[in-house]
Amino acid sequence: VFIYAGYSISNSFLFWQGKEKPSYRNKDLKRLVNLIALDTWIVLAVDLLMDPLMVESGNWRWDNPGIYFGVPLGNFAGWIIVVVCLSGAFRIFEYKFPREIKRSNPFVILLPVLCLSVLFILGTGMAMYKKLYLLIPVASLTIFPIILVNLCLFFRKNRP
């Protein structure tokens, strides 16, 4: 779910700017790599917020707790590898067999960003409640810029 959300949010950046997805037709390998990196960043940002909250809430535990709020750094390395592989495979498939971003209702494209916004608000609220105050700047520096830039692009594109 998080990988698909990251993929959808990355695509929304293209949509708001009126840009095409990378494909063999436009030979935009730089954009392909950038999208895979953005997909990975979004998923990692969510994991950086969610994992400490889940550990603190007792929803899961690590046999060998790590230095990041009890989460081992290998967990994040694993997420990076998984997202790069899965997102990369899907985006390479799209590169070889391109399809345009559907020109649907802009609010449908915005929905994953709004969901990320809710996750950010609830997650930072839960961090305050659990007294994980250092988690708030982490989430603010990793998730909030994604939301802010996306919303700015949305409003710029959809001005009355």
Protein backbone atom coordinates (compact mmCIF):
# COMPACT_ATOMS: atom_id res chain seq x y z
CA VAL A 1 0.00 0.00 0.00
CA PHE A 2 2.78 2.44 0.90
CA ILE A 3 4.66 1.69 -2.31
CA TYR A 4 1.57 2.30 -4.42
CA ALA A 5 0.86 5.50 -2.47
CA GLY A 6 4.43 6.67 -3.10
CA TYR A 7 4.07 5.84 -6.78
CA SER A 8 0.75 7.73 -6.99
CA ILE A 9 2.09 10.78 -5.20
CA SER A 10 5.16 10.85 -7.46
CA ASN A 11 2.89 10.69 -10.50
CA SER A 12 0.83 13.58 -9.16
CA PHE A 13 3.91 15.80 -9.34
CA LEU A 14 4.09 15.01 -13.07
CA PHE A 15 0.36 15.57 -13.52
CA TRP A 16 0.37 19.03 -11.88
CA GLN A 17 3.28 20.08 -14.08
CA GLY A 18 1.76 18.65 -17.27
CA LYS A 19 4.76 16.38 -17.81
CA GLU A 20 4.80 12.92 -19.34
CA LYS A 21 5.96 9.80 -17.59
CA PRO A 22 9.34 8.62 -18.86
CA SER A 23 9.14 6.16 -21.75
CA TYR A 24 11.14 4.73 -24.60
CA ARG A 25 9.50 7.39 -26.77
CA ASN A 26 10.86 10.37 -24.87
CA LYS A 27 13.96 8.49 -23.67
CA ASP A 28 13.88 10.35 -20.37
CA LEU A 29 15.97 8.00 -18.24
CA LYS A 30 16.83 10.80 -15.81
CA ARG A 31 13.14 11.30 -15.00
CA LEU A 32 12.75 7.52 -14.62
CA VAL A 33 15.54 7.40 -12.03
CA ASN A 34 14.18 10.51 -10.29
CA LEU A 35 10.71 8.98 -10.01
CA ILE A 36 12.08 5.76 -8.54
CA ALA A 37 14.07 7.85 -6.04
CA LEU A 38 10.98 9.93 -5.18
CA ASP A 39 8.85 6.79 -4.75
CA THR A 40 11.52 5.46 -2.40
CA TRP A 41 11.79 8.74 -0.48
CA ILE A 42 8.03 8.91 0.11
CA VAL A 43 7.83 5.33 1.39
CA LEU A 44 10.91 5.78 3.56
CA ALA A 45 9.50 9.02 4.99
CA VAL A 46 6.31 7.22 6.01
CA ASP A 47 8.32 4.38 7.56
CA LEU A 48 10.52 6.84 9.48
CA LEU A 49 7.35 8.14 11.13
CA MET A 50 5.33 4.95 11.50
CA ASP A 51 7.89 2.43 12.79
CA PRO A 52 8.83 4.30 15.98
CA LEU A 53 5.16 4.89 16.74
CA MET A 54 4.37 1.20 16.30
CA VAL A 55 7.31 0.16 18.49
CA GLU A 56 6.35 2.68 21.20
CA SER A 57 2.72 1.51 21.07
CA GLY A 58 3.79 -2.10 21.50
CA ASN A 59 2.41 -3.19 18.13
CA TRP A 60 5.74 -4.77 17.27
CA ARG A 61 9.18 -5.12 18.72
CA TRP A 62 12.64 -5.83 17.44
CA ASP A 63 14.81 -8.61 18.88
CA ASN A 64 17.79 -6.28 18.44
CA PRO A 65 16.48 -2.74 18.88
CA GLY A 66 18.25 -0.07 16.90
CA ILE A 67 19.36 3.48 17.52
CA TYR A 68 16.42 5.13 15.73
CA PHE A 69 13.71 5.10 18.40
CA GLY A 70 14.35 1.38 18.89
CA VAL A 71 14.16 0.57 15.17
CA PRO A 72 17.27 -0.96 13.59
CA LEU A 73 18.74 0.93 10.64
CA GLY A 74 18.68 -2.31 8.64
CA ASN A 75 14.89 -2.02 8.58
CA PHE A 76 15.16 1.20 6.60
CA ALA A 77 17.86 -0.23 4.32
CA GLY A 78 15.50 -3.13 3.65
CA TRP A 79 12.67 -0.75 2.77
CA ILE A 80 14.93 1.16 0.40
CA ILE A 81 15.95 -2.04 -1.38
CA VAL A 82 12.37 -3.33 -1.61
CA VAL A 83 10.95 -0.03 -2.89
CA VAL A 84 13.74 0.51 -5.42
CA CYS A 85 13.24 -3.03 -6.74
CA LEU A 86 9.43 -3.02 -6.88
CA SER A 87 8.96 0.58 -7.96
CA GLY A 88 11.88 0.23 -10.37
CA ALA A 89 10.39 -2.90 -11.93
CA PHE A 90 7.01 -1.26 -12.37
CA ARG A 91 8.40 2.00 -13.70
CA ILE A 92 10.70 0.15 -16.12
CA PHE A 93 7.68 -1.82 -17.32
CA GLU A 94 5.87 1.49 -17.85
CA TYR A 95 8.94 2.83 -19.63
CA LYS A 96 8.82 -0.07 -22.10
CA PHE A 97 5.00 -0.08 -22.38
CA PRO A 98 3.97 3.54 -21.76
CA ARG A 99 0.51 4.72 -20.82
CA GLU A 100 -0.45 8.31 -20.24
CA ILE A 101 -1.50 9.61 -16.85
CA LYS A 102 -5.27 9.61 -16.94
CA ARG A 103 -6.68 13.10 -17.17
CA SER A 104 -9.31 12.57 -14.54
CA ASN A 105 -10.70 14.73 -11.81
CA PRO A 106 -7.76 16.53 -10.14
CA PHE A 107 -9.16 15.66 -6.72
CA VAL A 108 -8.74 11.95 -7.50
CA ILE A 109 -5.07 12.62 -8.25
CA LEU A 110 -4.82 14.68 -5.04
CA LEU A 111 -6.40 11.99 -2.81
CA PRO A 112 -3.15 10.12 -1.97
CA VAL A 113 -1.55 13.44 -0.98
CA LEU A 114 -4.51 14.22 1.27
CA CYS A 115 -4.18 10.76 2.84
CA LEU A 116 -0.47 11.41 3.42
CA SER A 117 -1.45 14.72 5.04
CA VAL A 118 -3.82 12.93 7.43
CA LEU A 119 -1.10 10.38 8.23
CA PHE A 120 1.34 13.23 8.92
CA ILE A 121 -1.10 15.04 11.23
CA LEU A 122 -2.12 11.90 13.11
CA GLY A 123 1.45 10.62 13.28
CA THR A 124 2.90 13.84 14.65
CA GLY A 125 0.00 14.08 17.09
CA MET A 126 0.67 10.55 18.26
CA ALA A 127 4.39 11.36 18.56
CA MET A 128 3.50 14.28 20.84
CA TYR A 129 1.17 12.07 22.87
CA LYS A 130 3.85 9.36 23.21
CA LYS A 131 6.46 12.05 24.05
CA LEU A 132 8.55 11.15 20.98
CA TYR A 133 9.27 14.82 20.39
CA LEU A 134 12.34 14.25 18.20
CA LEU A 135 10.15 12.31 15.76
CA ILE A 136 8.21 15.48 14.90
CA PRO A 137 11.11 17.29 13.17
CA VAL A 138 11.98 14.08 11.32
CA ALA A 139 8.44 13.84 9.96
CA SER A 140 8.36 17.56 9.29
CA LEU A 141 11.54 17.41 7.23
CA THR A 142 10.69 14.24 5.32
CA ILE A 143 6.91 14.15 4.82
CA PHE A 144 5.76 17.76 5.07
CA PRO A 145 7.80 19.04 2.07
CA ILE A 146 6.23 16.36 -0.13
CA ILE A 147 2.77 17.52 0.91
CA LEU A 148 3.56 21.22 0.66
CA VAL A 149 5.15 21.11 -2.80
CA ASN A 150 2.40 18.87 -4.12
CA LEU A 151 -0.35 21.15 -2.81
CA CYS A 152 1.42 24.24 -4.20
CA LEU A 153 1.62 22.60 -7.63
CA PHE A 154 -2.03 21.54 -7.37
CA PHE A 155 -3.25 25.05 -6.53
CA ARG A 156 -1.04 26.62 -9.19
CA LYS A 157 -2.47 24.28 -11.84
CA ASN A 158 -6.08 24.57 -10.65
CA ARG A 159 -6.37 28.34 -10.16
CA PRO A 160 -9.78 29.69 -11.06
